């Protein structure tokens, strides 16, 4: 295993605890249009994806004669309004050990990048609540708005590598809480992919993607990388 030079982390459910508010809001927006699905279904088909794509995929996977005419764009428009309202009062926190992990990575000269299926405005609002800034706690933020293709495309990781002049994907780590995070890392040919159980999906779901490691949370990643 090569020494890691770049670590790319998902946000919600991986580094940031926002109580699944985004996926709960997706569910509420769908319900407004008569599509009644469980939070588990939303997570199964939508976790980790750009949110319009998540809504479209959930509609496709759950459609019946009553809901097949529901327009994903209309649901997404309502979702954005509802999410803004939810975020106004939302308290977000980093998961235990995450800020310490970032410090250790920086001591080892590893670049720390956050990437997300959220748009930039949503992702930035999370950073603002946490007090995290590129150039301080993290080195960069890459969002769904910054690329043409969202996950599982490797484009966000490719962009992160380009930002820091890294050409060998074997020195890149990707960590996330959903299968699509791991697929993204594998599509980028990352040397290490890490699935965490702190967020959207179960161990069984994550095992299907065959990550390098499955951890309860990022709190234990330091011991894996620097034993």
C-alpha atoms as a PDB file:
ATOM      1  CA  UNK A   1       0.000   0.000   0.000  1.00  0.00           C
ATOM      2  CA  UNK A   2       1.355   3.392  -1.018  1.00  0.00           C
ATOM      3  CA  UNK A   3       1.444   6.315   1.416  1.00  0.00           C
ATOM      4  CA  UNK A   4      -1.739   8.343   1.152  1.00  0.00           C
ATOM      5  CA  UNK A   5      -1.298  11.920  -0.118  1.00  0.00           C
ATOM      6  CA  UNK A   6      -4.959  12.884  -0.571  1.00  0.00           C
ATOM      7  CA  UNK A   7      -7.993  11.924   1.527  1.00  0.00           C
ATOM      8  CA  UNK A   8     -11.444  12.640   0.089  1.00  0.00           C
ATOM      9  CA  UNK A   9     -14.314  12.496   2.573  1.00  0.00           C
ATOM     10  CA  UNK A  10     -18.055  12.582   2.067  1.00  0.00           C
ATOM     11  CA  UNK A  11     -19.877  15.098   4.260  1.00  0.00           C
ATOM     12  CA  UNK A  12     -23.262  14.123   5.766  1.00  0.00           C
ATOM     13  CA  UNK A  13     -23.160  10.784   7.544  1.00  0.00           C
ATOM     14  CA  UNK A  14     -19.381  10.547   7.270  1.00  0.00           C
ATOM     15  CA  UNK A  15     -17.747  13.683   8.663  1.00  0.00           C
ATOM     16  CA  UNK A  16     -20.823  15.780   9.467  1.00  0.00           C
ATOM     17  CA  UNK A  17     -23.761  14.744  11.648  1.00  0.00           C
ATOM     18  CA  UNK A  18     -26.858  16.596  10.447  1.00  0.00           C
ATOM     19  CA  UNK A  19     -29.355  13.999  11.672  1.00  0.00           C
ATOM     20  CA  UNK A  20     -30.225  12.841   8.127  1.00  0.00           C
ATOM     21  CA  UNK A  21     -32.139  16.083   7.627  1.00  0.00           C
ATOM     22  CA  UNK A  22     -31.495  16.124   3.877  1.00  0.00           C
ATOM     23  CA  UNK A  23     -32.934  12.660   3.310  1.00  0.00           C
ATOM     24  CA  UNK A  24     -35.800  13.346   5.705  1.00  0.00           C
ATOM     25  CA  UNK A  25     -36.548  16.457   3.628  1.00  0.00           C
ATOM     26  CA  UNK A  26     -36.390  14.437   0.391  1.00  0.00           C
ATOM     27  CA  UNK A  27     -38.995  12.133   1.932  1.00  0.00           C
ATOM     28  CA  UNK A  28     -41.200  15.094   2.931  1.00  0.00           C
ATOM     29  CA  UNK A  29     -40.952  16.649  -0.540  1.00  0.00           C
ATOM     30  CA  UNK A  30     -41.955  13.347  -2.146  1.00  0.00           C
ATOM     31  CA  UNK A  31     -44.869  12.989   0.299  1.00  0.00           C
ATOM     32  CA  UNK A  32     -46.109  16.435  -0.739  1.00  0.00           C
ATOM     33  CA  UNK A  33     -46.520  14.988  -4.235  1.00  0.00           C
ATOM     34  CA  UNK A  34     -48.285  11.857  -2.991  1.00  0.00           C
ATOM     35  CA  UNK A  35     -45.238   9.597  -3.016  1.00  0.00           C
ATOM     36  CA  UNK A  36     -45.151   7.890   0.378  1.00  0.00           C
ATOM     37  CA  UNK A  37     -41.833   6.117   0.911  1.00  0.00           C
ATOM     38  CA  UNK A  38     -39.886   5.203   4.036  1.00  0.00           C
ATOM     39  CA  UNK A  39     -36.652   6.884   5.062  1.00  0.00           C
ATOM     40  CA  UNK A  40     -34.958   3.508   4.504  1.00  0.00           C
ATOM     41  CA  UNK A  41     -36.133   3.534   0.874  1.00  0.00           C
ATOM     42  CA  UNK A  42     -34.879   7.096   0.407  1.00  0.00           C
ATOM     43  CA  UNK A  43     -31.481   6.063   1.768  1.00  0.00           C
ATOM     44  CA  UNK A  44     -31.368   2.867  -0.294  1.00  0.00           C
ATOM     45  CA  UNK A  45     -31.898   4.592  -3.645  1.00  0.00           C
ATOM     46  CA  UNK A  46     -30.771   8.140  -2.900  1.00  0.00           C
ATOM     47  CA  UNK A  47     -27.832   8.045  -0.478  1.00  0.00           C
ATOM     48  CA  UNK A  48     -24.737   9.887  -1.653  1.00  0.00           C
ATOM     49  CA  UNK A  49     -26.211  11.090  -4.926  1.00  0.00           C
ATOM     50  CA  UNK A  50     -26.739  14.595  -6.267  1.00  0.00           C
ATOM     51  CA  UNK A  51     -30.188  15.363  -4.933  1.00  0.00           C
ATOM     52  CA  UNK A  52     -32.121  15.772  -8.203  1.00  0.00           C
ATOM     53  CA  UNK A  53     -30.681  12.426  -9.328  1.00  0.00           C
ATOM     54  CA  UNK A  54     -31.592  10.918  -5.950  1.00  0.00           C
ATOM     55  CA  UNK A  55     -35.217  12.055  -6.283  1.00  0.00           C
ATOM     56  CA  UNK A  56     -35.435  10.843  -9.894  1.00  0.00           C
ATOM     57  CA  UNK A  57     -34.021   7.434  -8.948  1.00  0.00           C
ATOM     58  CA  UNK A  58     -36.372   7.054  -5.965  1.00  0.00           C
ATOM     59  CA  UNK A  59     -39.346   7.899  -8.198  1.00  0.00           C
ATOM     60  CA  UNK A  60     -38.193   5.404 -10.817  1.00  0.00           C
ATOM     61  CA  UNK A  61     -37.640   2.604  -8.306  1.00  0.00           C
ATOM     62  CA  UNK A  62     -40.946   3.088  -6.464  1.00  0.00           C
ATOM     63  CA  UNK A  63     -43.326   4.243  -9.193  1.00  0.00           C
ATOM     64  CA  UNK A  64     -46.831   2.874  -9.546  1.00  0.00           C
ATOM     65  CA  UNK A  65     -49.928   3.956 -11.441  1.00  0.00           C
ATOM     66  CA  UNK A  66     -50.590   6.756  -8.948  1.00  0.00           C
ATOM     67  CA  UNK A  67     -47.107   8.250  -8.898  1.00  0.00           C
ATOM     68  CA  UNK A  68     -45.595   7.590 -12.326  1.00  0.00           C
ATOM     69  CA  UNK A  69     -46.597  11.075 -13.542  1.00  0.00           C
ATOM     70  CA  UNK A  70     -44.827  12.875 -10.663  1.00  0.00           C
ATOM     71  CA  UNK A  71     -42.144  15.210 -12.025  1.00  0.00           C
ATOM     72  CA  UNK A  72     -38.730  14.909 -10.357  1.00  0.00           C
ATOM     73  CA  UNK A  73     -37.924  18.550 -11.172  1.00  0.00           C
ATOM     74  CA  UNK A  74     -41.023  19.779  -9.367  1.00  0.00           C
ATOM     75  CA  UNK A  75     -40.234  17.630  -6.325  1.00  0.00           C
ATOM     76  CA  UNK A  76     -36.632  18.887  -6.369  1.00  0.00           C
ATOM     77  CA  UNK A  77     -37.787  22.516  -6.487  1.00  0.00           C
ATOM     78  CA  UNK A  78     -39.953  21.966  -3.405  1.00  0.00           C
ATOM     79  CA  UNK A  79     -37.134  20.037  -1.732  1.00  0.00           C
ATOM     80  CA  UNK A  80     -34.739  22.996  -2.035  1.00  0.00           C
ATOM     81  CA  UNK A  81     -37.241  25.381  -0.433  1.00  0.00           C
ATOM     82  CA  UNK A  82     -38.012  22.927   2.374  1.00  0.00           C
ATOM     83  CA  UNK A  83     -34.333  22.214   3.000  1.00  0.00           C
ATOM     84  CA  UNK A  84     -33.526  25.910   3.323  1.00  0.00           C
ATOM     85  CA  UNK A  85     -36.208  26.177   6.014  1.00  0.00           C
ATOM     86  CA  UNK A  86     -34.928  23.058   7.809  1.00  0.00           C
ATOM     87  CA  UNK A  87     -31.329  24.270   7.740  1.00  0.00           C
ATOM     88  CA  UNK A  88     -32.216  27.638   9.237  1.00  0.00           C
ATOM     89  CA  UNK A  89     -32.638  26.032  12.669  1.00  0.00           C
ATOM     90  CA  UNK A  90     -30.541  22.890  12.251  1.00  0.00           C
ATOM     91  CA  UNK A  91     -27.696  22.139  14.637  1.00  0.00           C
ATOM     92  CA  UNK A  92     -24.862  20.249  12.967  1.00  0.00           C
ATOM     93  CA  UNK A  93     -21.769  18.756  14.564  1.00  0.00           C
ATOM     94  CA  UNK A  94     -18.694  16.888  13.375  1.00  0.00           C
ATOM     95  CA  UNK A  95     -18.641  13.198  14.230  1.00  0.00           C
ATOM     96  CA  UNK A  96     -16.396  12.264  17.150  1.00  0.00           C
ATOM     97  CA  UNK A  97     -12.737  12.249  16.225  1.00  0.00           C
ATOM     98  CA  UNK A  98     -13.140  13.845  12.797  1.00  0.00           C
ATOM     99  CA  UNK A  99     -11.428  17.150  13.569  1.00  0.00           C
ATOM    100  CA  UNK A 100      -8.590  15.289  15.299  1.00  0.00           C
ATOM    101  CA  UNK A 101      -8.279  13.017  12.235  1.00  0.00           C
ATOM    102  CA  UNK A 102      -7.980  16.046   9.959  1.00  0.00           C
ATOM    103  CA  UNK A 103      -5.172  17.410  12.156  1.00  0.00           C
ATOM    104  CA  UNK A 104      -3.290  14.093  12.059  1.00  0.00           C
ATOM    105  CA  UNK A 105      -3.633  13.902   8.276  1.00  0.00           C
ATOM    106  CA  UNK A 106      -2.273  17.420   7.917  1.00  0.00           C
ATOM    107  CA  UNK A 107       0.685  16.531  10.170  1.00  0.00           C
ATOM    108  CA  UNK A 108       1.415  13.713   7.712  1.00  0.00           C
ATOM    109  CA  UNK A 109       1.078  16.200   4.815  1.00  0.00           C
ATOM    110  CA  UNK A 110      -2.082  14.540   3.502  1.00  0.00           C
ATOM    111  CA  UNK A 111      -4.488  16.899   1.717  1.00  0.00           C
ATOM    112  CA  UNK A 112      -8.029  16.800   3.131  1.00  0.00           C
ATOM    113  CA  UNK A 113     -10.897  17.341   0.691  1.00  0.00           C
ATOM    114  CA  UNK A 114     -14.630  17.182   1.368  1.00  0.00           C
ATOM    115  CA  UNK A 115     -16.892  16.121  -1.475  1.00  0.00           C
ATOM    116  CA  UNK A 116     -20.645  15.864  -1.577  1.00  0.00           C
ATOM    117  CA  UNK A 117     -23.760  15.217  -3.616  1.00  0.00           C
ATOM    118  CA  UNK A 118     -25.128  18.521  -2.257  1.00  0.00           C
ATOM    119  CA  UNK A 119     -25.090  21.737  -4.233  1.00  0.00           C
ATOM    120  CA  UNK A 120     -22.488  24.304  -3.209  1.00  0.00           C
ATOM    121  CA  UNK A 121     -24.924  26.513  -1.305  1.00  0.00           C
ATOM    122  CA  UNK A 122     -26.077  23.633   0.908  1.00  0.00           C
ATOM    123  CA  UNK A 123     -22.550  22.327   1.464  1.00  0.00           C
ATOM    124  CA  UNK A 124     -21.265  25.799   2.310  1.00  0.00           C
ATOM    125  CA  UNK A 125     -24.046  26.283   4.858  1.00  0.00           C
ATOM    126  CA  UNK A 126     -22.846  23.107   6.606  1.00  0.00           C
ATOM    127  CA  UNK A 127     -19.251  24.371   6.645  1.00  0.00           C
ATOM    128  CA  UNK A 128     -20.404  27.722   8.030  1.00  0.00           C
ATOM    129  CA  UNK A 129     -22.281  26.025  10.878  1.00  0.00           C
ATOM    130  CA  UNK A 130     -19.185  23.957  11.704  1.00  0.00           C
ATOM    131  CA  UNK A 131     -16.744  26.851  11.346  1.00  0.00           C
ATOM    132  CA  UNK A 132     -14.691  24.876   8.822  1.00  0.00           C
ATOM    133  CA  UNK A 133     -12.819  26.708   6.076  1.00  0.00           C
ATOM    134  CA  UNK A 134     -10.695  25.604   3.112  1.00  0.00           C
ATOM    135  CA  UNK A 135      -7.102  26.398   3.999  1.00  0.00           C
ATOM    136  CA  UNK A 136      -7.759  25.745   7.691  1.00  0.00           C
ATOM    137  CA  UNK A 137      -9.490  22.558   8.879  1.00  0.00           C
ATOM    138  CA  UNK A 138      -9.778  21.257   5.298  1.00  0.00           C
ATOM    139  CA  UNK A 139      -7.939  21.946   2.058  1.00  0.00           C
ATOM    140  CA  UNK A 140     -10.870  22.059  -0.366  1.00  0.00           C
ATOM    141  CA  UNK A 141     -14.593  21.491  -0.882  1.00  0.00           C
ATOM    142  CA  UNK A 142     -15.943  19.955  -4.095  1.00  0.00           C
ATOM    143  CA  UNK A 143     -19.712  19.806  -4.623  1.00  0.00           C
ATOM    144  CA  UNK A 144     -22.155  18.456  -7.187  1.00  0.00           C
ATOM    145  CA  UNK A 145     -22.243  21.962  -8.698  1.00  0.00           C
ATOM    146  CA  UNK A 146     -18.533  21.765  -9.544  1.00  0.00           C
ATOM    147  CA  UNK A 147     -18.759  18.786 -11.910  1.00  0.00           C
ATOM    148  CA  UNK A 148     -20.764  17.596 -14.890  1.00  0.00           C
ATOM    149  CA  UNK A 149     -21.298  14.056 -13.624  1.00  0.00           C
ATOM    150  CA  UNK A 150     -22.074  13.285  -9.993  1.00  0.00           C
ATOM    151  CA  UNK A 151     -21.380  10.051  -8.156  1.00  0.00           C
ATOM    152  CA  UNK A 152     -20.639   7.280  -8.922  1.00  0.00           C
ATOM    153  CA  UNK A 153     -18.583   9.083 -11.568  1.00  0.00           C
ATOM    154  CA  UNK A 154     -14.988   9.715 -10.483  1.00  0.00           C
ATOM    155  CA  UNK A 155     -15.167  13.347 -11.603  1.00  0.00           C
ATOM    156  CA  UNK A 156     -15.142  14.953  -8.142  1.00  0.00           C
ATOM    157  CA  UNK A 157     -12.129  12.876  -7.066  1.00  0.00           C
ATOM    158  CA  UNK A 158     -10.415  13.543 -10.400  1.00  0.00           C
ATOM    159  CA  UNK A 159     -10.933  17.253  -9.778  1.00  0.00           C
ATOM    160  CA  UNK A 160      -9.451  16.984  -6.271  1.00  0.00           C
ATOM    161  CA  UNK A 161      -6.383  15.190  -7.642  1.00  0.00           C
ATOM    162  CA  UNK A 162      -5.950  17.854 -10.305  1.00  0.00           C
ATOM    163  CA  UNK A 163      -6.201  20.649  -7.701  1.00  0.00           C
ATOM    164  CA  UNK A 164      -3.229  19.254  -5.805  1.00  0.00           C
ATOM    165  CA  UNK A 165      -1.168  17.934  -8.694  1.00  0.00           C
ATOM    166  CA  UNK A 166      -1.686  14.265  -7.832  1.00  0.00           C
ATOM    167  CA  UNK A 167      -1.545  11.882 -10.794  1.00  0.00           C
ATOM    168  CA  UNK A 168      -1.444   8.461  -9.113  1.00  0.00           C
ATOM    169  CA  UNK A 169      -4.859   7.397  -7.731  1.00  0.00           C
ATOM    170  CA  UNK A 170      -3.137   4.747  -5.603  1.00  0.00           C
ATOM    171  CA  UNK A 171      -2.162   7.528  -3.151  1.00  0.00           C
ATOM    172  CA  UNK A 172      -5.790   8.661  -2.779  1.00  0.00           C
ATOM    173  CA  UNK A 173      -8.240   7.539  -0.074  1.00  0.00           C
ATOM    174  CA  UNK A 174     -11.993   7.905  -0.431  1.00  0.00           C
ATOM    175  CA  UNK A 175     -14.287   7.529   2.600  1.00  0.00           C
ATOM    176  CA  UNK A 176     -18.062   7.639   2.774  1.00  0.00           C
ATOM    177  CA  UNK A 177     -21.188   6.145   4.309  1.00  0.00           C
ATOM    178  CA  UNK A 178     -22.898   4.857   1.153  1.00  0.00           C
ATOM    179  CA  UNK A 179     -22.311   2.288  -1.580  1.00  0.00           C
ATOM    180  CA  UNK A 180     -22.163   5.073  -4.144  1.00  0.00           C
ATOM    181  CA  UNK A 181     -19.231   6.663  -2.239  1.00  0.00           C
ATOM    182  CA  UNK A 182     -17.301   3.413  -2.552  1.00  0.00           C
ATOM    183  CA  UNK A 183     -18.239   3.038  -6.227  1.00  0.00           C
ATOM    184  CA  UNK A 184     -16.977   6.589  -6.788  1.00  0.00           C
ATOM    185  CA  UNK A 185     -13.663   5.697  -5.137  1.00  0.00           C
ATOM    186  CA  UNK A 186     -13.313   2.517  -7.171  1.00  0.00           C
ATOM    187  CA  UNK A 187     -14.141   4.344 -10.408  1.00  0.00           C
ATOM    188  CA  UNK A 188     -11.345   6.797  -9.554  1.00  0.00           C
ATOM    189  CA  UNK A 189      -9.075   3.778  -8.873  1.00  0.00           C
ATOM    190  CA  UNK A 190      -8.344   5.026  -5.339  1.00  0.00           C
ATOM    191  CA  UNK A 191      -5.754   3.017  -3.421  1.00  0.00           C
ATOM    192  CA  UNK A 192      -8.020   2.823  -0.367  1.00  0.00           C
ATOM    193  CA  UNK A 193     -11.802   2.978  -0.046  1.00  0.00           C
ATOM    194  CA  UNK A 194     -13.336   3.258   3.425  1.00  0.00           C
ATOM    195  CA  UNK A 195     -16.991   2.708   4.287  1.00  0.00           C
ATOM    196  CA  UNK A 196     -18.291   3.997   7.611  1.00  0.00           C
ATOM    197  CA  UNK A 197     -21.358   2.837   9.527  1.00  0.00           C
ATOM    198  CA  UNK A 198     -22.116   6.282  10.983  1.00  0.00           C
ATOM    199  CA  UNK A 199     -24.514   7.294   8.225  1.00  0.00           C
ATOM    200  CA  UNK A 200     -26.888   6.184   5.539  1.00  0.00           C
ATOM    201  CA  UNK A 201     -26.420   2.483   4.936  1.00  0.00           C
ATOM    202  CA  UNK A 202     -25.982  -0.824   6.742  1.00  0.00           C
ATOM    203  CA  UNK A 203     -22.915  -3.051   6.932  1.00  0.00           C
ATOM    204  CA  UNK A 204     -24.615  -5.543   4.613  1.00  0.00           C
ATOM    205  CA  UNK A 205     -25.310  -2.855   2.006  1.00  0.00           C
ATOM    206  CA  UNK A 206     -21.767  -1.490   2.256  1.00  0.00           C
ATOM    207  CA  UNK A 207     -20.175  -4.947   2.050  1.00  0.00           C
ATOM    208  CA  UNK A 208     -21.733  -5.351  -1.405  1.00  0.00           C
ATOM    209  CA  UNK A 209     -19.438  -2.572  -2.680  1.00  0.00           C
ATOM    210  CA  UNK A 210     -16.319  -4.348  -1.345  1.00  0.00           C
ATOM    211  CA  UNK A 211     -14.492  -1.383   0.240  1.00  0.00           C
ATOM    212  CA  UNK A 212     -10.955  -1.822   1.554  1.00  0.00           C
ATOM    213  CA  UNK A 213     -12.202  -1.217   5.111  1.00  0.00           C
ATOM    214  CA  UNK A 214     -15.548  -0.954   6.887  1.00  0.00           C
ATOM    215  CA  UNK A 215     -15.270   1.092  10.092  1.00  0.00           C
ATOM    216  CA  UNK A 216     -17.843   2.025  12.701  1.00  0.00           C
ATOM    217  CA  UNK A 217     -16.795   5.644  12.220  1.00  0.00           C
ATOM    218  CA  UNK A 218     -13.876   7.772  11.054  1.00  0.00           C
ATOM    219  CA  UNK A 219     -12.707   7.903  14.668  1.00  0.00           C
ATOM    220  CA  UNK A 220     -10.742   4.683  14.077  1.00  0.00           C
ATOM    221  CA  UNK A 221      -9.185   5.625  10.719  1.00  0.00           C
ATOM    222  CA  UNK A 222      -6.065   7.145  12.287  1.00  0.00           C
ATOM    223  CA  UNK A 223      -5.129   3.759  13.748  1.00  0.00           C
ATOM    224  CA  UNK A 224      -5.636   2.099  10.368  1.00  0.00           C
ATOM    225  CA  UNK A 225      -3.494   4.573   8.433  1.00  0.00           C
ATOM    226  CA  UNK A 226      -0.819   5.221  11.053  1.00  0.00           C
ATOM    227  CA  UNK A 227      -0.593   2.084  13.248  1.00  0.00           C
END
